[in-house]
């Protein structure tokens, strides 16, 4: 049971979910402080001011201030623009340049919302940080750490009650020290219930638009990449044969691409080839080749390798381990078995082939309702 007078810094974006999260904490008797975070936006160009970051527009800040005033809680603005640019935007560009398709929201949760904000909150004497994420945490069974004779009750990350809104996929990088200090007030509610609570608390957020795109990109990802990475033309090829030793492939040249970072595995539209449809099958970064296929079934694969794996409990489970896994946010959980290759690098073998396994994306492991951890597909 949490002490009711615990001090909680609630991240408030001016949207429905974070506003209701703050209201629920206030109703429960916590000492709540609202914080609006400012992130990086593209700078001025040709004398014109760039559009604001979707997560922290002036309109969103005004709504968040109104909610804080209604709830009668203190409200502050933290400017994390420089850190966001360095840790999130630069990472996003760096990974695309490698030919990967990164998920910046996962890294933002680790580095900014539950990294930088949590550090700031603790330095100001807060006990917890809360957000409007649809996820849950519980304190579960005892866990013995490697090289440690002590035992402690671990914090477990669970899927939200509302499976359609569940955001646990984006939280697999969290560790025990972070989870200990995090609250998810709306994790036990369905979206419809959250909307009813907003009406009950008389919060002016029901018409606020929920952003589903990458917050710092104003038009399209390709427009953004063209601005910061430019174009690097190369050949589009179709693999027609593989030598018996599997060390060399023969290709048929079909056309030219504008730069590998403008394409992602499984993509069909926008390749610019006649006589299709074609799908992006792979990228050869070394030779600047975009590899395509006419057979969509070529995108189906049963295995992947992931790196930088994080186990939320802090302890690697006994392996091999049967789990259910997601290779991107909007896909169904799929049965798979995890095998260890080397420290923080693992192989997943799925029961059934998965479509368009994409390097740079997150693969997240589940056991029942619990998020065990995850890694970056490579």
Protein backbone atom coordinates (compact mmCIF):
# COMPACT_ATOMS: atom_id res chain seq x y z
CA UNK A 1 0.00 0.00 0.00
CA UNK A 2 1.40 3.38 -1.02
CA UNK A 3 1.43 6.17 1.56
CA UNK A 4 -1.34 8.58 0.56
CA UNK A 5 0.74 11.72 1.05
CA UNK A 6 3.48 10.56 -1.30
CA UNK A 7 4.62 13.31 -3.66
CA UNK A 8 3.96 12.45 -7.30
CA UNK A 9 5.12 14.35 -10.37
CA UNK A 10 2.57 13.61 -13.10
CA UNK A 11 3.65 14.15 -16.70
CA UNK A 12 0.81 16.14 -18.28
CA UNK A 13 0.62 16.50 -22.07
CA UNK A 14 -2.72 18.28 -22.16
CA UNK A 15 -4.36 15.12 -23.51
CA UNK A 16 -7.14 12.96 -22.12
CA UNK A 17 -5.09 10.14 -20.60
CA UNK A 18 -2.49 12.13 -18.65
CA UNK A 19 -5.14 14.61 -17.44
CA UNK A 20 -7.31 11.84 -16.01
CA UNK A 21 -4.20 10.21 -14.51
CA UNK A 22 -3.48 13.44 -12.59
CA UNK A 23 -7.12 13.68 -11.47
CA UNK A 24 -7.15 10.09 -10.18
CA UNK A 25 -3.96 10.69 -8.19
CA UNK A 26 -5.40 13.85 -6.66
CA UNK A 27 -8.62 12.03 -5.74
CA UNK A 28 -6.61 9.24 -4.12
CA UNK A 29 -4.93 11.73 -1.79
CA UNK A 30 -1.49 12.03 -3.33
CA UNK A 31 0.47 15.29 -3.30
CA UNK A 32 0.37 15.85 -7.08
CA UNK A 33 2.52 18.20 -9.14
CA UNK A 34 1.78 18.60 -12.84
CA UNK A 35 4.71 18.83 -15.26
CA UNK A 36 4.59 19.67 -18.95
CA UNK A 37 7.68 18.61 -20.91
CA UNK A 38 8.96 20.55 -23.91
CA UNK A 39 10.73 18.49 -26.55
CA UNK A 40 12.77 19.35 -29.64
CA UNK A 41 11.09 20.76 -32.76
CA UNK A 42 12.72 21.43 -36.16
CA UNK A 43 14.36 24.88 -36.09
CA UNK A 44 13.61 27.92 -38.21
CA UNK A 45 14.26 27.65 -41.94
CA UNK A 46 14.35 30.50 -44.45
CA UNK A 47 13.16 32.85 -41.73
CA UNK A 48 10.09 30.74 -40.97
CA UNK A 49 9.44 29.11 -37.59
CA UNK A 50 8.99 25.35 -37.78
CA UNK A 51 5.81 23.68 -36.57
CA UNK A 52 5.89 22.67 -32.87
CA UNK A 53 6.41 19.15 -31.62
CA UNK A 54 3.01 17.39 -31.50
CA UNK A 55 3.58 16.25 -27.91
CA UNK A 56 4.18 19.76 -26.61
CA UNK A 57 2.45 22.33 -28.78
CA UNK A 58 1.40 25.69 -27.28
CA UNK A 59 -2.23 24.50 -27.42
CA UNK A 60 -1.33 21.35 -25.48
CA UNK A 61 0.45 23.41 -22.82
CA UNK A 62 -2.60 25.68 -22.43
CA UNK A 63 -4.87 22.64 -21.94
CA UNK A 64 -2.49 21.12 -19.39
CA UNK A 65 -2.41 24.41 -17.44
CA UNK A 66 -6.22 24.53 -17.43
CA UNK A 67 -6.43 20.98 -16.10
CA UNK A 68 -3.90 21.73 -13.35
CA UNK A 69 -5.90 24.82 -12.37
CA UNK A 70 -9.14 22.79 -12.21
CA UNK A 71 -7.43 20.14 -10.08
CA UNK A 72 -5.78 22.83 -7.94
CA UNK A 73 -2.31 21.35 -8.29
CA UNK A 74 1.03 23.12 -8.94
CA UNK A 75 2.11 23.18 -12.59
CA UNK A 76 5.60 23.51 -14.06
CA UNK A 77 7.23 23.32 -17.50
CA UNK A 78 10.47 21.38 -17.98
CA UNK A 79 12.43 22.13 -21.15
CA UNK A 80 14.12 18.93 -22.33
CA UNK A 81 14.66 20.13 -25.92
CA UNK A 82 18.45 19.67 -26.02
CA UNK A 83 18.37 16.26 -24.36
CA UNK A 84 15.52 15.11 -26.61
CA UNK A 85 17.43 16.13 -29.74
CA UNK A 86 20.57 14.33 -28.60
CA UNK A 87 19.02 11.17 -27.19
CA UNK A 88 15.99 10.64 -29.44
CA UNK A 89 16.23 12.56 -32.73
CA UNK A 90 19.94 11.89 -33.30
CA UNK A 91 19.37 8.20 -32.45
CA UNK A 92 16.49 8.10 -34.93
CA UNK A 93 18.66 9.53 -37.73
CA UNK A 94 21.68 7.38 -36.86
CA UNK A 95 19.65 4.16 -37.00
CA UNK A 96 18.03 5.08 -40.30
CA UNK A 97 21.47 5.77 -41.74
CA UNK A 98 22.44 2.19 -40.77
CA UNK A 99 19.46 0.89 -42.76
CA UNK A 100 17.32 0.17 -39.70
CA UNK A 101 13.76 1.24 -38.86
CA UNK A 102 13.96 2.48 -35.24
CA UNK A 103 11.15 3.03 -32.75
CA UNK A 104 11.88 6.40 -31.09
CA UNK A 105 8.93 6.13 -28.64
CA UNK A 106 10.56 3.16 -26.90
CA UNK A 107 13.82 5.07 -26.43
CA UNK A 108 11.96 8.23 -25.34
CA UNK A 109 10.23 6.31 -22.56
CA UNK A 110 13.56 5.01 -21.28
CA UNK A 111 15.68 8.12 -21.76
CA UNK A 112 13.25 11.01 -21.24
CA UNK A 113 9.96 10.17 -19.53
CA UNK A 114 11.32 7.53 -17.17
CA UNK A 115 14.94 8.63 -17.35
CA UNK A 116 15.46 12.38 -17.35
CA UNK A 117 12.06 13.25 -15.84
CA UNK A 118 12.42 10.63 -13.11
CA UNK A 119 15.92 11.88 -12.23
CA UNK A 120 14.60 15.44 -12.04
CA UNK A 121 11.60 14.37 -9.95
CA UNK A 122 13.74 12.51 -7.41
CA UNK A 123 16.13 15.47 -7.13
CA UNK A 124 13.12 17.64 -6.27
CA UNK A 125 12.04 15.30 -3.50
CA UNK A 126 9.26 13.46 -5.33
CA UNK A 127 8.51 9.83 -4.49
CA UNK A 128 7.02 8.83 -7.85
CA UNK A 129 6.54 9.81 -11.48
CA UNK A 130 3.17 9.09 -13.09
CA UNK A 131 2.07 9.07 -16.72
CA UNK A 132 -1.03 8.39 -18.77
CA UNK A 133 0.32 5.15 -20.24
CA UNK A 134 -2.08 2.24 -20.58
CA UNK A 135 -0.03 -0.28 -18.60
CA UNK A 136 0.03 -1.75 -15.10
CA UNK A 137 2.62 -2.72 -12.53
CA UNK A 138 2.40 -5.04 -9.54
CA UNK A 139 4.88 -6.14 -6.93
CA UNK A 140 5.31 -9.83 -7.44
CA UNK A 141 7.26 -12.88 -6.31
CA UNK A 142 10.74 -12.78 -4.80
CA UNK A 143 13.72 -12.75 -7.12
CA UNK A 144 17.34 -13.66 -6.40
CA UNK A 145 19.80 -11.60 -8.45
CA UNK A 146 22.94 -13.00 -10.05
CA UNK A 147 26.02 -12.69 -7.79
CA UNK A 148 23.76 -11.54 -4.96
CA UNK A 149 22.58 -13.59 -1.98
CA UNK A 150 19.75 -11.14 -1.13
CA UNK A 151 16.16 -11.58 -2.22
CA UNK A 152 13.61 -8.87 -2.91
CA UNK A 153 10.13 -8.55 -4.30
CA UNK A 154 10.34 -7.62 -7.96
CA UNK A 155 8.08 -5.17 -9.73
CA UNK A 156 6.32 -6.70 -12.68
CA UNK A 157 5.06 -4.80 -15.74
CA UNK A 158 1.68 -5.99 -17.00
CA UNK A 159 -0.49 -5.31 -20.00
CA UNK A 160 -3.29 -2.78 -19.50
CA UNK A 161 -6.89 -3.75 -18.80
CA UNK A 162 -7.83 -2.24 -22.19
CA UNK A 163 -6.00 -4.54 -24.63
CA UNK A 164 -6.81 -2.25 -27.58
CA UNK A 165 -5.02 0.67 -25.89
CA UNK A 166 -2.27 -1.32 -24.14
CA UNK A 167 1.10 0.45 -24.39
CA UNK A 168 3.28 -2.03 -22.51
CA UNK A 169 5.07 -2.80 -25.80
CA UNK A 170 6.77 0.61 -25.57
CA UNK A 171 7.99 0.06 -21.99
CA UNK A 172 10.20 -3.02 -22.28
CA UNK A 173 13.40 -1.06 -21.58
CA UNK A 174 12.35 -0.23 -18.01
CA UNK A 175 14.30 -1.67 -15.08
CA UNK A 176 13.52 -2.35 -11.42
CA UNK A 177 14.82 0.99 -10.16
CA UNK A 178 12.57 2.82 -12.59
CA UNK A 179 9.48 0.65 -12.07
CA UNK A 180 9.76 1.12 -8.32
CA UNK A 181 9.16 4.85 -8.83
CA UNK A 182 6.52 4.75 -11.59
CA UNK A 183 2.73 4.89 -11.35
CA UNK A 184 0.26 4.12 -14.15
CA UNK A 185 -3.07 5.47 -12.80
CA UNK A 186 -5.23 4.58 -15.83
CA UNK A 187 -3.83 1.09 -16.46
CA UNK A 188 -6.83 -0.54 -14.77
CA UNK A 189 -9.36 1.42 -16.83
CA UNK A 190 -10.73 1.02 -20.34
CA UNK A 191 -10.66 4.00 -22.68
CA UNK A 192 -14.42 4.50 -22.39
CA UNK A 193 -14.08 4.62 -18.60
CA UNK A 194 -11.29 7.19 -18.89
CA UNK A 195 -13.55 9.37 -21.04
CA UNK A 196 -16.34 9.10 -18.44
CA UNK A 197 -13.90 10.11 -15.71
CA UNK A 198 -12.85 13.17 -17.75
CA UNK A 199 -16.50 14.24 -17.86
CA UNK A 200 -16.92 13.54 -14.16
CA UNK A 201 -13.85 15.65 -13.29
CA UNK A 202 -15.00 18.31 -15.82
CA UNK A 203 -11.69 18.31 -17.65
CA UNK A 204 -11.56 20.17 -21.01
CA UNK A 205 -9.68 17.43 -22.86
CA UNK A 206 -12.27 15.24 -24.59
CA UNK A 207 -11.73 16.98 -27.92
CA UNK A 208 -7.94 16.87 -27.73
CA UNK A 209 -6.53 14.93 -30.66
CA UNK A 210 -4.44 11.89 -29.85
CA UNK A 211 -1.19 11.91 -31.82
CA UNK A 212 -0.31 8.55 -33.34
CA UNK A 213 2.63 9.71 -35.44
CA UNK A 214 6.23 10.40 -34.43
CA UNK A 215 5.92 13.62 -32.44
CA UNK A 216 8.86 15.56 -33.90
CA UNK A 217 7.96 14.87 -37.55
CA UNK A 218 5.46 17.32 -39.00
CA UNK A 219 4.76 15.91 -42.48
CA UNK A 220 6.16 12.49 -43.45
CA UNK A 221 9.13 10.46 -42.24
CA UNK A 222 10.63 10.60 -45.73
CA UNK A 223 10.39 14.40 -45.83
CA UNK A 224 12.17 14.53 -42.48
CA UNK A 225 14.89 12.10 -43.57
CA UNK A 226 15.40 13.97 -46.82
CA UNK A 227 16.00 17.17 -44.83
CA UNK A 228 18.57 15.64 -42.45
CA UNK A 229 20.11 12.70 -44.33
CA UNK A 230 19.63 13.88 -47.94
CA UNK A 231 19.47 11.39 -50.81
CA UNK A 232 21.95 8.64 -51.61
CA UNK A 233 20.87 6.88 -54.83
CA UNK A 234 21.65 3.22 -55.44
CA UNK A 235 20.35 0.19 -57.30
CA UNK A 236 17.08 -1.65 -56.73
CA UNK A 237 17.63 -5.36 -57.33
CA UNK A 238 15.71 -8.61 -57.26
CA UNK A 239 17.46 -11.69 -55.90
CA UNK A 240 17.20 -14.43 -58.53
CA UNK A 241 19.57 -17.10 -57.17
CA UNK A 242 21.91 -17.97 -54.33
CA UNK A 243 25.15 -19.94 -54.79
CA UNK A 244 25.38 -23.36 -53.21
CA UNK A 245 27.76 -22.11 -50.47
CA UNK A 246 25.23 -19.30 -49.71
CA UNK A 247 28.03 -16.73 -49.75
CA UNK A 248 27.08 -15.06 -53.04
CA UNK A 249 23.77 -14.06 -54.59
CA UNK A 250 22.86 -13.18 -58.16
CA UNK A 251 20.66 -10.15 -58.71
CA UNK A 252 18.59 -8.64 -61.47
CA UNK A 253 18.77 -4.83 -61.63
CA UNK A 254 15.30 -3.25 -61.75
CA UNK A 255 15.88 0.45 -61.15
CA UNK A 256 17.28 3.02 -58.76
CA UNK A 257 16.36 4.02 -55.20
CA UNK A 258 16.77 7.45 -53.54
CA UNK A 259 18.51 6.23 -50.37
CA UNK A 260 18.04 3.10 -48.25
CA UNK A 261 16.68 5.08 -45.30
CA UNK A 262 13.57 5.99 -47.31
CA UNK A 263 12.40 2.34 -47.32
CA UNK A 264 11.42 -0.26 -44.76
CA UNK A 265 11.04 -4.05 -44.86
CA UNK A 266 7.61 -5.10 -46.14
CA UNK A 267 6.95 -1.78 -47.90
CA UNK A 268 4.97 -2.01 -51.16
CA UNK A 269 3.95 1.54 -52.09
CA UNK A 270 6.44 4.19 -53.12
CA UNK A 271 9.17 1.92 -54.49
CA UNK A 272 8.70 3.33 -57.98
CA UNK A 273 8.96 0.18 -60.08
CA UNK A 274 6.77 -0.76 -63.03
CA UNK A 275 5.42 -4.28 -63.49
CA UNK A 276 4.82 -4.88 -59.80
CA UNK A 277 3.70 -5.13 -57.16
CA UNK A 278 7.09 -5.40 -55.46
CA UNK A 279 7.85 -5.55 -51.74
CA UNK A 280 11.03 -4.43 -49.97
CA UNK A 281 12.70 -7.64 -48.82
CA UNK A 282 16.08 -6.50 -47.49
CA UNK A 283 18.77 -3.82 -47.60
CA UNK A 284 22.45 -4.31 -48.42
CA UNK A 285 23.92 -1.25 -46.70
CA UNK A 286 27.51 -2.05 -47.64
CA UNK A 287 26.73 -2.08 -51.38
CA UNK A 288 23.81 0.39 -51.17
CA UNK A 289 21.36 -2.11 -52.69
CA UNK A 290 17.62 -2.19 -52.09
CA UNK A 291 16.49 -5.81 -52.47
CA UNK A 292 12.88 -6.37 -53.53
CA UNK A 293 10.67 -9.36 -54.31
CA UNK A 294 7.53 -10.05 -56.31
CA UNK A 295 6.59 -12.90 -54.01
CA UNK A 296 5.02 -11.54 -50.81
CA UNK A 297 5.59 -14.92 -49.13
CA UNK A 298 9.34 -14.15 -49.15
CA UNK A 299 8.61 -11.72 -46.29
CA UNK A 300 7.60 -14.59 -44.00
CA UNK A 301 10.33 -15.73 -41.61
CA UNK A 302 10.28 -17.90 -38.50
CA UNK A 303 13.48 -16.65 -36.84
CA UNK A 304 15.04 -13.41 -35.69
CA UNK A 305 18.06 -12.33 -33.69
CA UNK A 306 17.74 -9.47 -31.20
CA UNK A 307 20.36 -7.52 -29.29
CA UNK A 308 20.49 -5.19 -26.27
CA UNK A 309 17.96 -7.42 -24.54
CA UNK A 310 16.54 -6.14 -21.24
CA UNK A 311 14.88 -8.42 -18.68
CA UNK A 312 12.57 -6.25 -16.58
CA UNK A 313 13.04 -8.42 -13.49
CA UNK A 314 16.79 -7.80 -13.67
CA UNK A 315 17.40 -11.53 -13.96
CA UNK A 316 17.58 -13.70 -17.04
CA UNK A 317 15.01 -16.51 -16.86
CA UNK A 318 15.83 -20.16 -17.45
CA UNK A 319 16.32 -20.72 -21.17
CA UNK A 320 15.15 -21.86 -23.66
CA UNK A 321 11.83 -20.24 -22.76
CA UNK A 322 8.45 -20.38 -24.47
CA UNK A 323 6.85 -16.93 -24.68
CA UNK A 324 4.51 -14.89 -26.79
CA UNK A 325 6.21 -12.09 -28.67
CA UNK A 326 5.37 -8.95 -30.66
CA UNK A 327 7.63 -7.75 -33.48
CA UNK A 328 5.79 -4.40 -33.77
CA UNK A 329 3.09 -2.57 -31.85
CA UNK A 330 0.02 -3.31 -33.96
CA UNK A 331 0.41 -7.07 -34.43
CA UNK A 332 -0.96 -10.04 -32.54
CA UNK A 333 1.11 -11.85 -29.93
CA UNK A 334 2.79 -14.87 -31.51
CA UNK A 335 4.09 -18.03 -29.73
CA UNK A 336 7.89 -18.33 -29.88
CA UNK A 337 10.87 -19.85 -28.08
CA UNK A 338 13.85 -17.78 -26.90
CA UNK A 339 17.42 -19.12 -27.07
CA UNK A 340 20.55 -17.35 -25.84
CA UNK A 341 23.40 -16.78 -28.29
CA UNK A 342 25.68 -14.54 -26.19
CA UNK A 343 25.29 -11.84 -23.49
CA UNK A 344 22.27 -9.62 -24.33
CA UNK A 345 21.88 -11.33 -27.73
CA UNK A 346 19.17 -13.93 -28.29
CA UNK A 347 17.44 -15.89 -31.04
CA UNK A 348 13.65 -16.20 -31.28
CA UNK A 349 12.07 -19.05 -33.23
CA UNK A 350 8.35 -18.55 -33.87
CA UNK A 351 5.83 -21.36 -34.15
CA UNK A 352 4.47 -19.73 -37.30
CA UNK A 353 6.27 -17.45 -39.79
CA UNK A 354 6.02 -13.70 -39.11
CA UNK A 355 5.65 -11.09 -41.85
CA UNK A 356 8.29 -8.41 -42.44
CA UNK A 357 10.58 -8.84 -39.41
CA UNK A 358 12.31 -5.46 -39.44
CA UNK A 359 15.79 -4.58 -38.08
CA UNK A 360 15.67 -1.67 -35.64
CA UNK A 361 12.17 -2.43 -34.39
CA UNK A 362 11.50 -3.82 -30.91
CA UNK A 363 10.58 -7.42 -30.22
CA UNK A 364 8.85 -7.71 -26.84
CA UNK A 365 8.41 -10.90 -24.80
CA UNK A 366 5.24 -11.70 -22.84
CA UNK A 367 4.27 -14.48 -20.44
CA UNK A 368 0.53 -14.26 -19.86
CA UNK A 369 -0.17 -10.64 -18.93
CA UNK A 370 3.43 -9.93 -17.90
CA UNK A 371 6.06 -8.17 -20.01
CA UNK A 372 9.27 -10.11 -19.44
CA UNK A 373 11.46 -7.80 -21.51
CA UNK A 374 12.51 -7.21 -25.06
CA UNK A 375 15.29 -6.39 -27.48
CA UNK A 376 16.15 -4.67 -30.75
CA UNK A 377 15.76 -6.78 -33.89
CA UNK A 378 19.04 -7.04 -35.81
